[in-house]
Structures are given as structure tokens and as C-alpha cells.
């Protein structure tokens, strides 16, 4: 059993001449008052490297653990393919552990496996998606990612027409952008048809299921319809961004998912196609792994909020408490 031991060395406030390392900020180079932030920043990344080194020393003790490492690596590959992780944001063991809900030492081994096979590059304790020289993801790329996930998740049943109007409203974009994205999916043999009518293919070629999370536990004290609407109102679409900053670890995304879980738990059986689409959209996106990039996570959260609002319109009035049940923390 390896006993973790991390020693954070305090910065030497009186370095001897010639002891400065390459890349160090010396008092002569730094502006007045800037030494402490620089040293804290350097110490933070030293800490990450030490954590990564300790986790790498924890071996795989059984075939079951190795199978779980392989499963985590497969999920990460799919997440990279769905643009949930991009080269603009580093991956760390704590962050991926929080995203996937996996044991830290097994997550570390999975990241190392992707590093060895060339999918990730490593700098200290940080992993990065390999830069293939391509363009950074655009809004259209995120929309395509969302549509592929919906088609893989059965939100659009084969043989049923895909509504451009419903997609435009759910994704916060215009019908023209929806038609463009569906044309791209047609070339990928995921959908068929034309601008007049789009249909999913029965067996789409090369469409893998997107990484998913279990639905969160609904709030212990159910929110009323009014409270849910007030909670998701500031998270709605606004030129592809929400009016509330949503970053990895932000409470906004986790709260939106908890509200979605409450609404999903109250959904009745769908009685018509609009209901089936709205309920399917909410279930799919509430259980989807959100992108790591802050702007994409904000857009993803906006889609969750829009799906909640659409489902509430279709829910019977008695499904949720009508009046606020008290002040919320």
C-alpha cells in the first residue's frame, strides 16, 4: 500500500546568486507586488504534477479494475469525438473524475493509456487533446454534436419526420442553420431527405452513442412550477450563450440538471409527437455529458433550460406543486 506524501516546498525568499532556475521570475523581472501570484501559480502546477505522479504509482490490482480502465478510456475517446473535450482546455485527473464519477487512480491510468496511444499529449499533470491543426469548434460544430447525440439516443425515431422548427427552438438557432446541419448529417449518411422533409436513417452509418451520465437525484423538496421557471429563466438561449457564466464545476449546470431530473420524474406518457419529442429531448440532454469548454458548457446548459421550459408547457398543471413551497437556499 502506497502512502501518499505530498510536500509543498515553500518558496525560497532569499535565493543564492545563480540559483534561479530557467523560467523563474526573479525580483528584478517581476513588477512590484507580483511575486506572490507567480509563486502561487507555479506551486499549484507543481502540486498537480505531484498528484499525477502519486496516482500513476497506484497499480491495477485485478482484471475487473483493468476492464474499468478500458471502459473509462473508451468513454474519453467518445467524448473527444463528440467535441466534449477540445484542445482549448486541459484535462486533469480531478476534473475528469468529477465529470465521469470514476475512481481517481483508474481515471489516471485511463488518461495515461490515451497518452500512450497518441490521443492526448501531456505537460506535467495536465493532459491536452492532440492538436491536429484543424479549426477550433464553431457553434455549428456544437449543434452537430448535439444532433448526433439525439439521433444516437433515439430522440428522433426512424421513419418520423424531423421538425426543423422544433430543433431550431430547442437549440436556440435559426431554421437555416438547422437545415445546414441536417445537410451535413445527410452526407454522413445519418439522415435522409431534403429541406422539405428530413428523416433519420434506420441504421445510421458510423454513429456512436455519446457519453452519458446517470440522471441526478431530484431535489428532496420538489420545486413548484413557478420556482422551476424562475430558476431556468437566466440560463436560456441568448446568442448561443447564457446570461449566467457556466464553467466546469459551476453550480448552474448541476442545478439545471437537478431541476431536469425533477421534471423528468413527473413526465406522463407522451400522447402525441410534440410531447414525445420534448420529453425525449429533456431526457437525452439531462443525461448527456456536458462539454468541458466553458462557452460550450454554457450553451449546453441553455439547451437544458430550454428543454425544461418546453416540457413544463406540456406537463399537466397538477404534475408539480402550484405554489412556492418556501424560500430556497
Protein backbone atom coordinates (compact mmCIF):
# COMPACT_ATOMS: atom_id res chain seq x y z
CA UNK A 1 0.00 0.00 0.00
CA UNK A 2 1.48 3.31 -1.02
CA UNK A 3 1.03 6.09 1.49
CA UNK A 4 0.61 9.36 -0.41
CA UNK A 5 3.03 12.00 0.77
CA UNK A 6 2.99 15.41 -0.85
CA UNK A 7 5.36 18.05 0.38
CA UNK A 8 4.68 21.56 -0.79
CA UNK A 9 8.01 23.39 -0.64
CA UNK A 10 7.79 26.96 0.48
CA UNK A 11 9.43 29.37 -1.97
CA UNK A 12 12.97 30.42 -1.06
CA UNK A 13 12.70 34.07 -0.24
CA UNK A 14 16.47 34.57 -0.20
CA UNK A 15 17.85 32.64 -3.15
CA UNK A 16 21.57 32.44 -3.50
CA UNK A 17 23.20 34.03 -6.56
CA UNK A 18 22.92 31.84 -9.63
CA UNK A 19 20.31 29.59 -8.04
CA UNK A 20 17.40 30.84 -10.16
CA UNK A 21 16.06 28.13 -12.46
CA UNK A 22 15.23 28.61 -16.11
CA UNK A 23 11.85 30.24 -16.44
CA UNK A 24 11.77 31.57 -12.83
CA UNK A 25 10.51 35.08 -12.29
CA UNK A 26 13.16 36.92 -10.31
CA UNK A 27 12.54 40.03 -8.25
CA UNK A 28 14.31 42.06 -10.90
CA UNK A 29 11.99 40.79 -13.64
CA UNK A 30 8.70 40.92 -11.73
CA UNK A 31 6.66 44.01 -11.18
CA UNK A 32 6.18 45.21 -7.58
CA UNK A 33 3.60 43.11 -5.77
CA UNK A 34 3.51 40.37 -8.46
CA UNK A 35 5.84 37.83 -6.80
CA UNK A 36 3.18 36.06 -4.70
CA UNK A 37 0.69 35.33 -7.57
CA UNK A 38 3.50 33.98 -9.76
CA UNK A 39 4.80 31.75 -6.97
CA UNK A 40 1.29 30.50 -6.11
CA UNK A 41 0.68 29.70 -9.77
CA UNK A 42 3.97 27.74 -10.01
CA UNK A 43 3.25 25.92 -6.73
CA UNK A 44 -0.24 24.95 -7.97
CA UNK A 45 1.12 23.24 -11.08
CA UNK A 46 3.85 21.58 -9.01
CA UNK A 47 1.07 20.20 -6.82
CA UNK A 48 -0.79 18.87 -9.89
CA UNK A 49 2.36 17.12 -11.11
CA UNK A 50 2.87 15.52 -7.69
CA UNK A 51 -0.74 14.32 -7.59
CA UNK A 52 -0.39 12.84 -11.09
CA UNK A 53 2.84 11.09 -10.11
CA UNK A 54 1.30 9.54 -6.99
CA UNK A 55 -1.78 8.29 -8.84
CA UNK A 56 0.40 6.77 -11.54
CA UNK A 57 2.16 4.70 -8.84
CA UNK A 58 -1.09 3.06 -7.76
CA UNK A 59 -1.20 -0.11 -9.82
CA UNK A 60 -4.07 -2.09 -11.30
CA UNK A 61 -4.80 -4.90 -8.84
CA UNK A 62 -7.37 -7.02 -10.72
CA UNK A 63 -8.82 -7.77 -14.17
CA UNK A 64 -12.01 -6.00 -13.08
CA UNK A 65 -10.08 -2.78 -12.48
CA UNK A 66 -8.35 -3.13 -15.85
CA UNK A 67 -11.75 -3.56 -17.50
CA UNK A 68 -12.94 -0.37 -15.80
CA UNK A 69 -9.85 1.48 -17.01
CA UNK A 70 -10.61 0.31 -20.56
CA UNK A 71 -14.21 1.47 -20.16
CA UNK A 72 -13.11 4.92 -18.94
CA UNK A 73 -10.68 5.21 -21.85
CA UNK A 74 -13.44 4.27 -24.31
CA UNK A 75 -15.74 6.91 -22.80
CA UNK A 76 -12.99 9.53 -23.09
CA UNK A 77 -12.39 8.61 -26.74
CA UNK A 78 -16.09 9.05 -27.48
CA UNK A 79 -16.13 12.34 -25.53
CA UNK A 80 -13.25 13.65 -27.64
CA UNK A 81 -15.05 12.52 -30.79
CA UNK A 82 -18.16 14.41 -29.69
CA UNK A 83 -16.12 17.58 -29.02
CA UNK A 84 -16.86 17.39 -25.30
CA UNK A 85 -13.13 17.79 -24.73
CA UNK A 86 -11.15 20.01 -27.10
CA UNK A 87 -7.58 21.25 -27.33
CA UNK A 88 -8.53 24.61 -25.81
CA UNK A 89 -8.98 23.19 -22.30
CA UNK A 90 -6.61 20.93 -20.33
CA UNK A 91 -7.78 17.69 -18.76
CA UNK A 92 -6.77 16.85 -15.20
CA UNK A 93 -7.43 13.74 -13.16
CA UNK A 94 -9.69 15.58 -10.63
CA UNK A 95 -11.72 17.23 -13.40
CA UNK A 96 -12.28 14.03 -15.42
CA UNK A 97 -13.02 12.13 -12.19
CA UNK A 98 -15.73 14.70 -11.39
CA UNK A 99 -17.12 14.56 -14.93
CA UNK A 100 -17.35 10.76 -15.14
CA UNK A 101 -17.75 9.85 -11.48
CA UNK A 102 -14.88 7.36 -11.71
CA UNK A 103 -12.15 6.42 -9.17
CA UNK A 104 -9.19 8.84 -9.42
CA UNK A 105 -6.44 6.22 -9.75
CA UNK A 106 -8.33 4.36 -12.51
CA UNK A 107 -9.03 7.66 -14.28
CA UNK A 108 -5.32 8.43 -14.12
CA UNK A 109 -4.46 5.11 -15.78
CA UNK A 110 -7.08 5.72 -18.49
CA UNK A 111 -5.60 9.14 -19.27
CA UNK A 112 -2.14 7.60 -19.39
CA UNK A 113 -3.42 4.95 -21.81
CA UNK A 114 -4.79 7.64 -24.15
CA UNK A 115 -1.49 9.49 -23.83
CA UNK A 116 0.45 6.36 -24.82
CA UNK A 117 -1.75 5.74 -27.86
CA UNK A 118 -1.32 9.34 -29.02
CA UNK A 119 -4.83 10.73 -28.42
CA UNK A 120 -3.57 13.06 -25.67
CA UNK A 121 -0.36 14.96 -25.04
CA UNK A 122 0.93 15.59 -21.55
CA UNK A 123 2.57 18.56 -19.89
CA UNK A 124 3.25 17.92 -16.21
CA UNK A 125 -0.01 16.90 -14.56
CA UNK A 126 -2.14 18.22 -17.43
CA UNK A 127 -3.40 16.31 -20.46
CA UNK A 128 -4.42 18.00 -23.70
CA UNK A 129 -6.32 16.77 -26.73
CA UNK A 130 -3.75 16.47 -29.51
CA UNK A 131 -3.77 19.46 -31.85
CA UNK A 132 -4.44 18.13 -35.34
CA UNK A 133 -4.10 21.58 -36.90
CA UNK A 134 -7.82 21.86 -37.63
CA UNK A 135 -10.18 24.72 -36.89
CA UNK A 136 -11.47 25.27 -33.38
CA UNK A 137 -15.09 24.14 -32.86
CA UNK A 138 -17.76 26.58 -34.02
CA UNK A 139 -21.39 26.90 -32.96
CA UNK A 140 -22.32 24.69 -35.91
CA UNK A 141 -19.92 22.02 -34.65
CA UNK A 142 -21.63 22.03 -31.24
CA UNK A 143 -25.06 21.82 -32.91
CA UNK A 144 -23.91 18.86 -35.00
CA UNK A 145 -22.58 17.20 -31.86
CA UNK A 146 -25.95 17.69 -30.15
CA UNK A 147 -27.89 16.35 -33.19
CA UNK A 148 -25.69 13.25 -33.44
CA UNK A 149 -26.25 12.57 -29.76
CA UNK A 150 -30.02 12.95 -30.17
CA UNK A 151 -30.10 10.60 -33.15
CA UNK A 152 -27.93 8.04 -31.33
CA UNK A 153 -30.16 8.37 -28.26
CA UNK A 154 -33.41 7.76 -30.17
CA UNK A 155 -34.88 11.23 -29.68
CA UNK A 156 -35.82 11.17 -33.39
CA UNK A 157 -37.32 7.74 -34.15
CA UNK A 158 -36.60 6.30 -37.62
CA UNK A 159 -39.40 6.97 -40.07
CA UNK A 160 -40.67 10.06 -38.25
CA UNK A 161 -40.10 13.47 -39.81
CA UNK A 162 -37.57 15.70 -38.07
CA UNK A 163 -39.11 19.07 -37.28
CA UNK A 164 -36.79 21.94 -38.21
CA UNK A 165 -38.95 24.36 -36.20
CA UNK A 166 -38.73 22.24 -33.04
CA UNK A 167 -34.97 21.78 -33.42
CA UNK A 168 -34.40 25.49 -34.01
CA UNK A 169 -36.32 26.36 -30.84
CA UNK A 170 -34.65 23.65 -28.74
CA UNK A 171 -31.12 24.55 -29.86
CA UNK A 172 -31.52 28.32 -29.95
CA UNK A 173 -30.59 28.69 -33.63
CA UNK A 174 -32.40 29.57 -36.87
CA UNK A 175 -34.08 27.18 -39.31
CA UNK A 176 -31.42 27.94 -41.92
CA UNK A 177 -28.65 26.74 -39.58
CA UNK A 178 -30.71 23.62 -38.76
CA UNK A 179 -31.10 22.83 -42.48
CA UNK A 180 -27.34 23.29 -42.99
CA UNK A 181 -26.53 20.88 -40.17
CA UNK A 182 -29.01 18.29 -41.43
CA UNK A 183 -27.38 18.53 -44.87
CA UNK A 184 -24.04 17.69 -43.25
CA UNK A 185 -25.61 14.69 -41.49
CA UNK A 186 -27.10 13.57 -44.81
CA UNK A 187 -23.62 13.47 -46.34
CA UNK A 188 -22.57 11.39 -43.31
CA UNK A 189 -25.49 9.00 -44.06
CA UNK A 190 -27.08 9.70 -40.68
CA UNK A 191 -30.31 11.22 -42.06
CA UNK A 192 -32.05 11.17 -45.43
CA UNK A 193 -34.36 13.52 -47.28
CA UNK A 194 -34.17 17.18 -48.23
CA UNK A 195 -35.11 20.63 -46.97
CA UNK A 196 -38.78 19.69 -47.36
CA UNK A 197 -38.61 16.65 -45.11
CA UNK A 198 -35.78 15.06 -43.11
CA UNK A 199 -35.91 11.55 -41.66
CA UNK A 200 -33.39 9.58 -39.53
CA UNK A 201 -31.90 6.51 -41.15
CA UNK A 202 -32.89 3.19 -39.63
CA UNK A 203 -29.23 2.13 -39.28
CA UNK A 204 -27.06 5.24 -39.46
CA UNK A 205 -23.50 4.59 -40.60
CA UNK A 206 -20.74 5.36 -38.13
CA UNK A 207 -22.94 6.94 -35.44
CA UNK A 208 -21.70 6.01 -31.97
CA UNK A 209 -23.62 6.70 -28.78
CA UNK A 210 -22.49 9.83 -26.94
CA UNK A 211 -21.09 9.55 -23.40
CA UNK A 212 -23.86 9.80 -20.86
CA UNK A 213 -24.30 10.43 -17.15
CA UNK A 214 -26.93 8.96 -14.85
CA UNK A 215 -29.77 11.35 -14.18
CA UNK A 216 -29.12 13.30 -10.98
CA UNK A 217 -31.30 12.90 -7.94
CA UNK A 218 -34.26 15.32 -7.95
CA UNK A 219 -34.34 17.98 -5.20
CA UNK A 220 -35.59 16.49 -1.89
CA UNK A 221 -38.26 19.20 -1.61
CA UNK A 222 -39.93 19.47 -5.04
CA UNK A 223 -39.79 22.88 -6.66
CA UNK A 224 -43.06 24.37 -7.81
CA UNK A 225 -43.70 25.15 -11.46
CA UNK A 226 -43.07 28.84 -10.76
CA UNK A 227 -39.80 28.12 -8.97
CA UNK A 228 -38.54 25.90 -11.79
CA UNK A 229 -39.30 28.56 -14.40
CA UNK A 230 -37.61 31.26 -12.31
CA UNK A 231 -34.54 29.05 -11.83
CA UNK A 232 -34.06 28.30 -15.54
CA UNK A 233 -35.03 31.76 -16.84
CA UNK A 234 -31.49 33.27 -16.65
CA UNK A 235 -29.99 30.16 -18.28
CA UNK A 236 -31.92 30.43 -21.55
CA UNK A 237 -30.53 30.96 -25.02
CA UNK A 238 -29.08 34.37 -25.83
CA UNK A 239 -26.98 34.36 -28.99
CA UNK A 240 -25.71 30.87 -28.12
CA UNK A 241 -24.63 31.90 -24.61
CA UNK A 242 -26.41 32.09 -21.31
CA UNK A 243 -26.65 35.24 -19.27
CA UNK A 244 -25.09 33.33 -16.35
CA UNK A 245 -21.46 32.18 -16.51
CA UNK A 246 -21.35 28.37 -16.58
CA UNK A 247 -17.92 26.77 -16.18
CA UNK A 248 -16.73 23.30 -15.21
CA UNK A 249 -17.78 22.75 -11.61
CA UNK A 250 -20.31 25.58 -11.79
CA UNK A 251 -23.46 25.18 -9.74
CA UNK A 252 -25.60 26.49 -12.61
CA UNK A 253 -25.19 23.34 -14.70
CA UNK A 254 -25.63 20.98 -11.74
CA UNK A 255 -28.75 22.86 -10.60
CA UNK A 256 -30.23 22.77 -14.11
CA UNK A 257 -29.68 19.01 -14.25
CA UNK A 258 -31.32 18.54 -10.83
CA UNK A 259 -34.35 20.53 -11.98
CA UNK A 260 -34.44 18.48 -15.19
CA UNK A 261 -34.41 15.29 -13.10
CA UNK A 262 -37.43 16.52 -11.14
CA UNK A 263 -39.34 17.35 -14.31
CA UNK A 264 -38.37 14.04 -15.95
CA UNK A 265 -39.65 12.16 -12.88
CA UNK A 266 -43.05 13.83 -13.31
CA UNK A 267 -43.39 13.30 -17.07
CA UNK A 268 -46.50 11.37 -18.11
CA UNK A 269 -46.62 9.06 -21.10
CA UNK A 270 -46.37 11.07 -24.31
CA UNK A 271 -49.71 11.33 -26.10
CA UNK A 272 -48.54 12.95 -29.34
CA UNK A 273 -45.44 13.64 -31.42
CA UNK A 274 -44.67 17.11 -29.97
CA UNK A 275 -44.78 15.65 -26.46
CA UNK A 276 -42.63 12.68 -27.43
CA UNK A 277 -40.02 14.99 -28.96
CA UNK A 278 -40.00 17.40 -26.00
CA UNK A 279 -39.81 14.64 -23.40
CA UNK A 280 -37.15 12.75 -25.35
CA UNK A 281 -35.09 15.92 -25.73
CA UNK A 282 -35.21 16.60 -21.99
CA UNK A 283 -34.30 13.02 -21.04
CA UNK A 284 -31.45 12.89 -23.55
CA UNK A 285 -29.83 16.21 -22.72
CA UNK A 286 -30.29 15.90 -18.95
CA UNK A 287 -28.27 12.69 -19.06
CA UNK A 288 -25.64 13.87 -21.55
CA UNK A 289 -22.07 14.62 -20.55
CA UNK A 290 -21.63 18.37 -20.93
CA UNK A 291 -18.71 19.85 -22.88
CA UNK A 292 -15.70 20.89 -20.85
CA UNK A 293 -15.12 24.13 -22.76
CA UNK A 294 -16.79 26.97 -20.80
CA UNK A 295 -18.64 28.56 -23.73
CA UNK A 296 -19.92 25.17 -24.92
CA UNK A 297 -20.99 24.22 -21.40
CA UNK A 298 -22.94 27.47 -21.18
CA UNK A 299 -24.68 26.63 -24.45
CA UNK A 300 -25.37 23.08 -23.29
CA UNK A 301 -26.89 24.44 -20.07
CA UNK A 302 -29.07 26.77 -22.13
CA UNK A 303 -30.34 23.72 -24.06
CA UNK A 304 -31.20 22.01 -20.75
CA UNK A 305 -33.10 25.12 -19.63
CA UNK A 306 -34.99 25.35 -22.93
CA UNK A 307 -35.91 21.65 -22.76
CA UNK A 308 -37.23 22.12 -19.20
CA UNK A 309 -39.38 25.07 -20.27
CA UNK A 310 -40.79 23.16 -23.24
CA UNK A 311 -41.61 20.13 -21.10
CA UNK A 312 -43.32 22.30 -18.47
CA UNK A 313 -45.64 23.70 -21.12
CA UNK A 314 -46.71 20.13 -21.96
CA UNK A 315 -46.96 18.90 -18.36
CA UNK A 316 -50.42 18.82 -16.78
CA UNK A 317 -50.83 21.62 -14.20
CA UNK A 318 -51.15 19.14 -11.34
CA UNK A 319 -47.80 17.47 -12.06
CA UNK A 320 -45.81 19.98 -9.99
CA UNK A 321 -46.71 21.97 -6.87
CA UNK A 322 -48.62 25.06 -7.90
CA UNK A 323 -47.35 27.45 -5.23
CA UNK A 324 -43.82 28.08 -3.98
CA UNK A 325 -43.08 25.84 -1.02
CA UNK A 326 -40.83 28.28 0.76
CA UNK A 327 -37.53 30.05 0.43
CA UNK A 328 -34.72 28.11 -1.19
CA UNK A 329 -31.13 28.14 -0.10
